[in-house]
Protein backbone atom coordinates (compact mmCIF):
# COMPACT_ATOMS: atom_id res chain seq x y z
CA UNK A 1 0.00 0.00 0.00
CA UNK A 2 1.41 3.39 -0.89
CA UNK A 3 1.85 6.06 1.77
CA UNK A 4 -0.62 8.27 -0.11
CA UNK A 5 -3.44 5.74 0.03
CA UNK A 6 -2.68 4.73 3.62
CA UNK A 7 -2.85 8.33 4.80
CA UNK A 8 -6.28 8.85 3.25
CA UNK A 9 -7.85 6.10 5.37
CA UNK A 10 -9.55 7.67 8.40
CA UNK A 11 -7.82 6.88 11.70
CA UNK A 12 -9.02 3.64 13.30
CA UNK A 13 -10.82 2.50 10.15
CA UNK A 14 -9.92 -0.05 7.48
CA UNK A 15 -10.60 -0.20 3.75
CA UNK A 16 -13.57 -2.60 3.53
CA UNK A 17 -12.48 -3.89 0.12
CA UNK A 18 -11.54 -7.32 1.52
CA UNK A 19 -15.04 -7.78 2.97
CA UNK A 20 -16.98 -7.24 -0.27
CA UNK A 21 -18.88 -10.28 -1.56
CA UNK A 22 -17.85 -9.85 -5.20
CA UNK A 23 -20.31 -12.50 -6.45
CA UNK A 24 -23.23 -10.25 -5.51
CA UNK A 25 -21.94 -6.83 -6.58
CA UNK A 26 -24.15 -5.12 -9.16
CA UNK A 27 -24.26 -1.79 -10.96
CA UNK A 28 -27.25 -0.54 -12.95
CA UNK A 29 -26.74 1.80 -15.93
CA UNK A 30 -23.00 1.15 -16.23
CA UNK A 31 -21.25 1.35 -19.58
CA UNK A 32 -20.28 -2.16 -20.69
CA UNK A 33 -16.75 -0.96 -21.54
CA UNK A 34 -16.36 1.17 -18.38
CA UNK A 35 -17.84 -0.98 -15.63
CA UNK A 36 -17.87 -0.97 -11.82
CA UNK A 37 -14.69 -3.05 -11.23
CA UNK A 38 -12.72 -0.13 -12.75
CA UNK A 39 -13.71 2.02 -9.75
CA UNK A 40 -14.04 -0.59 -7.02
CA UNK A 41 -11.41 -3.33 -7.43
CA UNK A 42 -7.91 -3.07 -5.98
CA UNK A 43 -5.38 -2.08 -8.61
CA UNK A 44 -8.04 -0.98 -11.10
CA UNK A 45 -9.29 1.86 -8.89
CA UNK A 46 -5.73 3.18 -8.48
CA UNK A 47 -5.36 3.48 -12.28
CA UNK A 48 -6.41 7.01 -13.28
CA UNK A 49 -7.03 5.79 -16.83
CA UNK A 50 -9.86 3.49 -15.76
CA UNK A 51 -13.36 4.75 -14.95
CA UNK A 52 -16.81 3.54 -14.16
CA UNK A 53 -19.07 5.42 -16.57
CA UNK A 54 -22.84 5.75 -16.72
CA UNK A 55 -24.60 4.63 -19.87
CA UNK A 56 -28.10 5.93 -20.72
CA UNK A 57 -28.03 8.94 -18.40
CA UNK A 58 -26.01 10.34 -15.48
CA UNK A 59 -27.39 8.05 -12.77
CA UNK A 60 -25.70 4.95 -11.34
CA UNK A 61 -27.11 2.47 -8.85
CA UNK A 62 -24.49 0.31 -7.16
CA UNK A 63 -25.22 -2.65 -4.87
CA UNK A 64 -22.39 -3.94 -2.67
CA UNK A 65 -22.99 -6.93 -0.36
CA UNK A 66 -20.45 -7.76 2.32
CA UNK A 67 -19.29 -11.24 3.37
CA UNK A 68 -19.69 -10.24 7.02
CA UNK A 69 -21.45 -7.50 8.94
CA UNK A 70 -19.54 -4.21 8.89
CA UNK A 71 -19.76 -0.77 10.45
CA UNK A 72 -19.44 1.85 7.76
CA UNK A 73 -17.66 5.02 8.87
CA UNK A 74 -16.87 6.97 5.70
CA UNK A 75 -16.29 6.74 1.98
CA UNK A 76 -14.18 8.30 -0.75
CA UNK A 77 -15.38 8.67 -4.32
CA UNK A 78 -12.92 10.08 -6.82
CA UNK A 79 -14.00 11.49 -10.14
CA UNK A 80 -13.23 14.19 -12.71
CA UNK A 81 -14.20 17.78 -11.95
CA UNK A 82 -17.01 17.97 -14.55
CA UNK A 83 -18.43 14.42 -14.79
CA UNK A 84 -17.67 13.39 -11.23
CA UNK A 85 -20.62 12.46 -8.98
CA UNK A 86 -22.39 15.21 -7.06
CA UNK A 87 -25.39 13.92 -5.10
CA UNK A 88 -24.75 10.47 -3.63
CA UNK A 89 -27.32 8.61 -1.53
CA UNK A 90 -26.51 5.62 0.67
CA UNK A 91 -28.95 2.89 1.66
CA UNK A 92 -27.99 0.38 4.33
CA UNK A 93 -29.34 -3.20 3.97
CA UNK A 94 -31.78 -2.39 1.15
CA UNK A 95 -31.78 -5.13 -1.46
CA UNK A 96 -33.33 -5.26 -4.94
CA UNK A 97 -33.43 -1.53 -5.45
CA UNK A 98 -33.84 -0.19 -8.96
CA UNK A 99 -34.26 3.22 -10.56
CA UNK A 100 -38.05 2.90 -10.37
CA UNK A 101 -38.11 2.46 -6.57
CA UNK A 102 -34.96 4.21 -5.34
CA UNK A 103 -36.91 7.34 -4.41
CA UNK A 104 -39.50 5.32 -2.46
CA UNK A 105 -37.05 4.80 0.42
CA UNK A 106 -35.43 7.45 2.58
CA UNK A 107 -31.64 7.17 2.27
CA UNK A 108 -29.61 6.29 5.36
CA UNK A 109 -27.46 9.27 4.41
CA UNK A 110 -26.93 11.71 1.53
CA UNK A 111 -23.71 13.46 0.55
CA UNK A 112 -23.05 16.37 -1.80
CA UNK A 113 -19.53 15.85 -3.14
CA UNK A 114 -17.18 18.82 -3.40
CA UNK A 115 -14.10 19.29 -5.54
CA UNK A 116 -11.94 18.14 -2.60
CA UNK A 117 -14.07 15.00 -2.24
CA UNK A 118 -13.64 14.19 -5.93
CA UNK A 119 -9.87 14.32 -5.38
CA UNK A 120 -10.19 11.64 -2.69
CA UNK A 121 -11.03 13.47 0.55
CA UNK A 122 -13.19 11.04 2.58
CA UNK A 123 -16.75 11.92 3.62
CA UNK A 124 -17.86 10.78 7.08
CA UNK A 125 -21.30 9.17 7.14
CA UNK A 126 -23.95 9.30 9.86
CA UNK A 127 -22.21 6.51 11.76
CA UNK A 128 -25.27 5.49 13.81
CA UNK A 129 -27.10 4.60 10.59
CA UNK A 130 -24.37 2.20 9.46
CA UNK A 131 -23.68 -0.01 12.50
CA UNK A 132 -24.85 -3.39 11.15
CA UNK A 133 -24.36 -3.24 7.41
CA UNK A 134 -24.78 -6.45 5.42
CA UNK A 135 -25.14 -4.61 2.12
CA UNK A 136 -24.84 -1.09 0.82
CA UNK A 137 -26.67 0.49 -2.08
CA UNK A 138 -25.07 3.64 -3.49
CA UNK A 139 -27.25 5.84 -5.70
CA UNK A 140 -25.33 8.41 -7.70
CA UNK A 141 -28.14 10.80 -8.56
CA UNK A 142 -26.32 13.41 -10.63
CA UNK A 143 -22.92 14.82 -11.48
CA UNK A 144 -21.11 18.13 -11.06
CA UNK A 145 -21.92 19.59 -14.48
CA UNK A 146 -25.44 18.19 -15.01
CA UNK A 147 -24.28 16.29 -18.11
CA UNK A 148 -25.59 12.89 -19.24
CA UNK A 149 -22.30 11.15 -18.43
CA UNK A 150 -21.04 10.41 -14.93
CA UNK A 151 -17.49 9.12 -14.41
CA UNK A 152 -16.19 7.51 -11.21
CA UNK A 153 -12.48 6.78 -10.87
CA UNK A 154 -12.49 5.25 -7.41
CA UNK A 155 -14.92 4.12 -4.72
CA UNK A 156 -13.45 3.27 -1.32
CA UNK A 157 -15.47 2.34 1.77
CA UNK A 158 -13.96 2.73 5.23
CA UNK A 159 -15.14 1.19 8.47
CA UNK A 160 -14.65 -1.87 10.62
CA UNK A 161 -16.00 -5.36 10.96
CA UNK A 162 -18.53 -6.07 13.67
CA UNK A 163 -16.81 -8.30 16.20
CA UNK A 164 -18.75 -11.38 17.17
CA UNK A 165 -19.44 -11.83 20.85
CA UNK A 166 -16.93 -14.07 22.57
CA UNK A 167 -19.17 -16.54 24.38
CA UNK A 168 -16.23 -18.01 26.37
CA UNK A 169 -15.55 -14.57 27.80
CA UNK A 170 -19.05 -14.29 29.28
CA UNK A 171 -19.50 -15.54 32.82
CA UNK A 172 -22.18 -18.18 33.24
CA UNK A 173 -25.04 -17.04 35.44
CA UNK A 174 -25.99 -19.77 37.91
CA UNK A 175 -29.64 -20.55 38.56
CA UNK A 176 -30.61 -20.22 42.21
C-alpha atoms as a PDB file:
ATOM      1  CA  UNK A   1       0.000   0.000   0.000  1.00  0.00           C
ATOM      2  CA  UNK A   2       1.409   3.386  -0.893  1.00  0.00           C
ATOM      3  CA  UNK A   3       1.853   6.057   1.770  1.00  0.00           C
ATOM      4  CA  UNK A   4      -0.622   8.268  -0.110  1.00  0.00           C
ATOM      5  CA  UNK A   5      -3.440   5.739   0.031  1.00  0.00           C
ATOM      6  CA  UNK A   6      -2.681   4.734   3.619  1.00  0.00           C
ATOM      7  CA  UNK A   7      -2.846   8.334   4.800  1.00  0.00           C
ATOM      8  CA  UNK A   8      -6.284   8.849   3.247  1.00  0.00           C
ATOM      9  CA  UNK A   9      -7.852   6.097   5.372  1.00  0.00           C
ATOM     10  CA  UNK A  10      -9.552   7.668   8.397  1.00  0.00           C
ATOM     11  CA  UNK A  11      -7.816   6.883  11.704  1.00  0.00           C
ATOM     12  CA  UNK A  12      -9.024   3.644  13.305  1.00  0.00           C
ATOM     13  CA  UNK A  13     -10.818   2.498  10.149  1.00  0.00           C
ATOM     14  CA  UNK A  14      -9.922  -0.052   7.479  1.00  0.00           C
ATOM     15  CA  UNK A  15     -10.596  -0.202   3.752  1.00  0.00           C
ATOM     16  CA  UNK A  16     -13.569  -2.599   3.534  1.00  0.00           C
ATOM     17  CA  UNK A  17     -12.482  -3.892   0.116  1.00  0.00           C
ATOM     18  CA  UNK A  18     -11.539  -7.317   1.518  1.00  0.00           C
ATOM     19  CA  UNK A  19     -15.039  -7.779   2.969  1.00  0.00           C
ATOM     20  CA  UNK A  20     -16.982  -7.245  -0.269  1.00  0.00           C
ATOM     21  CA  UNK A  21     -18.885 -10.277  -1.564  1.00  0.00           C
ATOM     22  CA  UNK A  22     -17.852  -9.850  -5.201  1.00  0.00           C
ATOM     23  CA  UNK A  23     -20.306 -12.497  -6.445  1.00  0.00           C
ATOM     24  CA  UNK A  24     -23.233 -10.249  -5.511  1.00  0.00           C
ATOM     25  CA  UNK A  25     -21.937  -6.832  -6.584  1.00  0.00           C
ATOM     26  CA  UNK A  26     -24.150  -5.116  -9.162  1.00  0.00           C
ATOM     27  CA  UNK A  27     -24.256  -1.790 -10.965  1.00  0.00           C
ATOM     28  CA  UNK A  28     -27.245  -0.538 -12.952  1.00  0.00           C
ATOM     29  CA  UNK A  29     -26.744   1.800 -15.931  1.00  0.00           C
ATOM     30  CA  UNK A  30     -23.001   1.154 -16.228  1.00  0.00           C
ATOM     31  CA  UNK A  31     -21.253   1.347 -19.577  1.00  0.00           C
ATOM     32  CA  UNK A  32     -20.276  -2.160 -20.694  1.00  0.00           C
ATOM     33  CA  UNK A  33     -16.752  -0.964 -21.541  1.00  0.00           C
ATOM     34  CA  UNK A  34     -16.364   1.174 -18.385  1.00  0.00           C
ATOM     35  CA  UNK A  35     -17.843  -0.981 -15.626  1.00  0.00           C
ATOM     36  CA  UNK A  36     -17.866  -0.972 -11.823  1.00  0.00           C
ATOM     37  CA  UNK A  37     -14.688  -3.053 -11.232  1.00  0.00           C
ATOM     38  CA  UNK A  38     -12.724  -0.126 -12.749  1.00  0.00           C
ATOM     39  CA  UNK A  39     -13.715   2.019  -9.747  1.00  0.00           C
ATOM     40  CA  UNK A  40     -14.045  -0.595  -7.016  1.00  0.00           C
ATOM     41  CA  UNK A  41     -11.409  -3.333  -7.430  1.00  0.00           C
ATOM     42  CA  UNK A  42      -7.911  -3.073  -5.977  1.00  0.00           C
ATOM     43  CA  UNK A  43      -5.377  -2.077  -8.611  1.00  0.00           C
ATOM     44  CA  UNK A  44      -8.039  -0.976 -11.101  1.00  0.00           C
ATOM     45  CA  UNK A  45      -9.288   1.860  -8.892  1.00  0.00           C
ATOM     46  CA  UNK A  46      -5.732   3.182  -8.478  1.00  0.00           C
ATOM     47  CA  UNK A  47      -5.357   3.484 -12.279  1.00  0.00           C
ATOM     48  CA  UNK A  48      -6.411   7.009 -13.275  1.00  0.00           C
ATOM     49  CA  UNK A  49      -7.026   5.794 -16.829  1.00  0.00           C
ATOM     50  CA  UNK A  50      -9.857   3.489 -15.756  1.00  0.00           C
ATOM     51  CA  UNK A  51     -13.355   4.752 -14.950  1.00  0.00           C
ATOM     52  CA  UNK A  52     -16.814   3.539 -14.159  1.00  0.00           C
ATOM     53  CA  UNK A  53     -19.074   5.416 -16.567  1.00  0.00           C
ATOM     54  CA  UNK A  54     -22.838   5.748 -16.720  1.00  0.00           C
ATOM     55  CA  UNK A  55     -24.601   4.626 -19.868  1.00  0.00           C
ATOM     56  CA  UNK A  56     -28.102   5.926 -20.721  1.00  0.00           C
ATOM     57  CA  UNK A  57     -28.033   8.943 -18.397  1.00  0.00           C
ATOM     58  CA  UNK A  58     -26.014  10.340 -15.482  1.00  0.00           C
ATOM     59  CA  UNK A  59     -27.394   8.048 -12.768  1.00  0.00           C
ATOM     60  CA  UNK A  60     -25.701   4.952 -11.343  1.00  0.00           C
ATOM     61  CA  UNK A  61     -27.115   2.468  -8.846  1.00  0.00           C
ATOM     62  CA  UNK A  62     -24.486   0.312  -7.158  1.00  0.00           C
ATOM     63  CA  UNK A  63     -25.216  -2.654  -4.869  1.00  0.00           C
ATOM     64  CA  UNK A  64     -22.388  -3.938  -2.666  1.00  0.00           C
ATOM     65  CA  UNK A  65     -22.990  -6.926  -0.360  1.00  0.00           C
ATOM     66  CA  UNK A  66     -20.449  -7.763   2.322  1.00  0.00           C
ATOM     67  CA  UNK A  67     -19.295 -11.239   3.368  1.00  0.00           C
ATOM     68  CA  UNK A  68     -19.685 -10.243   7.019  1.00  0.00           C
ATOM     69  CA  UNK A  69     -21.450  -7.502   8.944  1.00  0.00           C
ATOM     70  CA  UNK A  70     -19.540  -4.209   8.891  1.00  0.00           C
ATOM     71  CA  UNK A  71     -19.761  -0.774  10.452  1.00  0.00           C
ATOM     72  CA  UNK A  72     -19.441   1.855   7.763  1.00  0.00           C
ATOM     73  CA  UNK A  73     -17.655   5.022   8.870  1.00  0.00           C
ATOM     74  CA  UNK A  74     -16.868   6.968   5.704  1.00  0.00           C
ATOM     75  CA  UNK A  75     -16.288   6.736   1.982  1.00  0.00           C
ATOM     76  CA  UNK A  76     -14.185   8.299  -0.745  1.00  0.00           C
ATOM     77  CA  UNK A  77     -15.380   8.668  -4.324  1.00  0.00           C
ATOM     78  CA  UNK A  78     -12.924  10.084  -6.821  1.00  0.00           C
ATOM     79  CA  UNK A  79     -14.000  11.491 -10.145  1.00  0.00           C
ATOM     80  CA  UNK A  80     -13.231  14.188 -12.709  1.00  0.00           C
ATOM     81  CA  UNK A  81     -14.204  17.785 -11.954  1.00  0.00           C
ATOM     82  CA  UNK A  82     -17.011  17.969 -14.549  1.00  0.00           C
ATOM     83  CA  UNK A  83     -18.429  14.424 -14.792  1.00  0.00           C
ATOM     84  CA  UNK A  84     -17.668  13.385 -11.225  1.00  0.00           C
ATOM     85  CA  UNK A  85     -20.616  12.456  -8.983  1.00  0.00           C
ATOM     86  CA  UNK A  86     -22.392  15.210  -7.063  1.00  0.00           C
ATOM     87  CA  UNK A  87     -25.387  13.915  -5.103  1.00  0.00           C
ATOM     88  CA  UNK A  88     -24.745  10.467  -3.627  1.00  0.00           C
ATOM     89  CA  UNK A  89     -27.323   8.607  -1.532  1.00  0.00           C
ATOM     90  CA  UNK A  90     -26.511   5.623   0.673  1.00  0.00           C
ATOM     91  CA  UNK A  91     -28.950   2.895   1.660  1.00  0.00           C
ATOM     92  CA  UNK A  92     -27.990   0.378   4.331  1.00  0.00           C
ATOM     93  CA  UNK A  93     -29.337  -3.199   3.968  1.00  0.00           C
ATOM     94  CA  UNK A  94     -31.783  -2.388   1.148  1.00  0.00           C
ATOM     95  CA  UNK A  95     -31.781  -5.129  -1.460  1.00  0.00           C
ATOM     96  CA  UNK A  96     -33.325  -5.264  -4.936  1.00  0.00           C
ATOM     97  CA  UNK A  97     -33.433  -1.534  -5.449  1.00  0.00           C
ATOM     98  CA  UNK A  98     -33.837  -0.191  -8.957  1.00  0.00           C
ATOM     99  CA  UNK A  99     -34.262   3.216 -10.556  1.00  0.00           C
ATOM    100  CA  UNK A 100     -38.051   2.901 -10.365  1.00  0.00           C
ATOM    101  CA  UNK A 101     -38.114   2.461  -6.571  1.00  0.00           C
ATOM    102  CA  UNK A 102     -34.956   4.214  -5.343  1.00  0.00           C
ATOM    103  CA  UNK A 103     -36.911   7.341  -4.415  1.00  0.00           C
ATOM    104  CA  UNK A 104     -39.505   5.317  -2.458  1.00  0.00           C
ATOM    105  CA  UNK A 105     -37.055   4.802   0.422  1.00  0.00           C
ATOM    106  CA  UNK A 106     -35.428   7.446   2.584  1.00  0.00           C
ATOM    107  CA  UNK A 107     -31.641   7.172   2.266  1.00  0.00           C
ATOM    108  CA  UNK A 108     -29.610   6.290   5.357  1.00  0.00           C
ATOM    109  CA  UNK A 109     -27.458   9.272   4.414  1.00  0.00           C
ATOM    110  CA  UNK A 110     -26.927  11.713   1.533  1.00  0.00           C
ATOM    111  CA  UNK A 111     -23.710  13.461   0.554  1.00  0.00           C
ATOM    112  CA  UNK A 112     -23.046  16.367  -1.800  1.00  0.00           C
ATOM    113  CA  UNK A 113     -19.535  15.845  -3.136  1.00  0.00           C
ATOM    114  CA  UNK A 114     -17.180  18.818  -3.398  1.00  0.00           C
ATOM    115  CA  UNK A 115     -14.099  19.294  -5.539  1.00  0.00           C
ATOM    116  CA  UNK A 116     -11.940  18.141  -2.595  1.00  0.00           C
ATOM    117  CA  UNK A 117     -14.073  15.002  -2.239  1.00  0.00           C
ATOM    118  CA  UNK A 118     -13.637  14.185  -5.929  1.00  0.00           C
ATOM    119  CA  UNK A 119      -9.872  14.322  -5.377  1.00  0.00           C
ATOM    120  CA  UNK A 120     -10.191  11.644  -2.692  1.00  0.00           C
ATOM    121  CA  UNK A 121     -11.034  13.471   0.553  1.00  0.00           C
ATOM    122  CA  UNK A 122     -13.192  11.036   2.584  1.00  0.00           C
ATOM    123  CA  UNK A 123     -16.749  11.921   3.619  1.00  0.00           C
ATOM    124  CA  UNK A 124     -17.857  10.783   7.080  1.00  0.00           C
ATOM    125  CA  UNK A 125     -21.297   9.173   7.143  1.00  0.00           C
ATOM    126  CA  UNK A 126     -23.952   9.303   9.864  1.00  0.00           C
ATOM    127  CA  UNK A 127     -22.213   6.512  11.763  1.00  0.00           C
ATOM    128  CA  UNK A 128     -25.272   5.492  13.814  1.00  0.00           C
ATOM    129  CA  UNK A 129     -27.101   4.600  10.586  1.00  0.00           C
ATOM    130  CA  UNK A 130     -24.367   2.203   9.459  1.00  0.00           C
ATOM    131  CA  UNK A 131     -23.682  -0.010  12.499  1.00  0.00           C
ATOM    132  CA  UNK A 132     -24.849  -3.394  11.146  1.00  0.00           C
ATOM    133  CA  UNK A 133     -24.364  -3.237   7.407  1.00  0.00           C
ATOM    134  CA  UNK A 134     -24.777  -6.450   5.421  1.00  0.00           C
ATOM    135  CA  UNK A 135     -25.139  -4.612   2.120  1.00  0.00           C
ATOM    136  CA  UNK A 136     -24.843  -1.085   0.823  1.00  0.00           C
ATOM    137  CA  UNK A 137     -26.672   0.493  -2.080  1.00  0.00           C
ATOM    138  CA  UNK A 138     -25.071   3.642  -3.490  1.00  0.00           C
ATOM    139  CA  UNK A 139     -27.253   5.836  -5.696  1.00  0.00           C
ATOM    140  CA  UNK A 140     -25.332   8.407  -7.695  1.00  0.00           C
ATOM    141  CA  UNK A 141     -28.141  10.795  -8.555  1.00  0.00           C
ATOM    142  CA  UNK A 142     -26.318  13.408 -10.626  1.00  0.00           C
ATOM    143  CA  UNK A 143     -22.919  14.821 -11.484  1.00  0.00           C
ATOM    144  CA  UNK A 144     -21.107  18.129 -11.057  1.00  0.00           C
ATOM    145  CA  UNK A 145     -21.924  19.587 -14.484  1.00  0.00           C
ATOM    146  CA  UNK A 146     -25.438  18.187 -15.006  1.00  0.00           C
ATOM    147  CA  UNK A 147     -24.283  16.290 -18.111  1.00  0.00           C
ATOM    148  CA  UNK A 148     -25.589  12.894 -19.241  1.00  0.00           C
ATOM    149  CA  UNK A 149     -22.297  11.149 -18.428  1.00  0.00           C
ATOM    150  CA  UNK A 150     -21.040  10.412 -14.930  1.00  0.00           C
ATOM    151  CA  UNK A 151     -17.490   9.116 -14.408  1.00  0.00           C
ATOM    152  CA  UNK A 152     -16.190   7.510 -11.212  1.00  0.00           C
ATOM    153  CA  UNK A 153     -12.479   6.780 -10.868  1.00  0.00           C
ATOM    154  CA  UNK A 154     -12.491   5.246  -7.407  1.00  0.00           C
ATOM    155  CA  UNK A 155     -14.921   4.116  -4.721  1.00  0.00           C
ATOM    156  CA  UNK A 156     -13.454   3.269  -1.316  1.00  0.00           C
ATOM    157  CA  UNK A 157     -15.475   2.342   1.771  1.00  0.00           C
ATOM    158  CA  UNK A 158     -13.956   2.729   5.228  1.00  0.00           C
ATOM    159  CA  UNK A 159     -15.138   1.189   8.472  1.00  0.00           C
ATOM    160  CA  UNK A 160     -14.652  -1.869  10.621  1.00  0.00           C
ATOM    161  CA  UNK A 161     -16.002  -5.360  10.960  1.00  0.00           C
ATOM    162  CA  UNK A 162     -18.529  -6.067  13.673  1.00  0.00           C
ATOM    163  CA  UNK A 163     -16.806  -8.298  16.202  1.00  0.00           C
ATOM    164  CA  UNK A 164     -18.746 -11.382  17.174  1.00  0.00           C
ATOM    165  CA  UNK A 165     -19.440 -11.826  20.854  1.00  0.00           C
ATOM    166  CA  UNK A 166     -16.929 -14.074  22.567  1.00  0.00           C
ATOM    167  CA  UNK A 167     -19.172 -16.540  24.378  1.00  0.00           C
ATOM    168  CA  UNK A 168     -16.235 -18.005  26.369  1.00  0.00           C
ATOM    169  CA  UNK A 169     -15.554 -14.566  27.800  1.00  0.00           C
ATOM    170  CA  UNK A 170     -19.046 -14.289  29.281  1.00  0.00           C
ATOM    171  CA  UNK A 171     -19.502 -15.545  32.817  1.00  0.00           C
ATOM    172  CA  UNK A 172     -22.179 -18.175  33.236  1.00  0.00           C
ATOM    173  CA  UNK A 173     -25.042 -17.044  35.443  1.00  0.00           C
ATOM    174  CA  UNK A 174     -25.989 -19.768  37.907  1.00  0.00           C
ATOM    175  CA  UNK A 175     -29.643 -20.549  38.562  1.00  0.00           C
ATOM    176  CA  UNK A 176     -30.605 -20.219  42.208  1.00  0.00           C
END
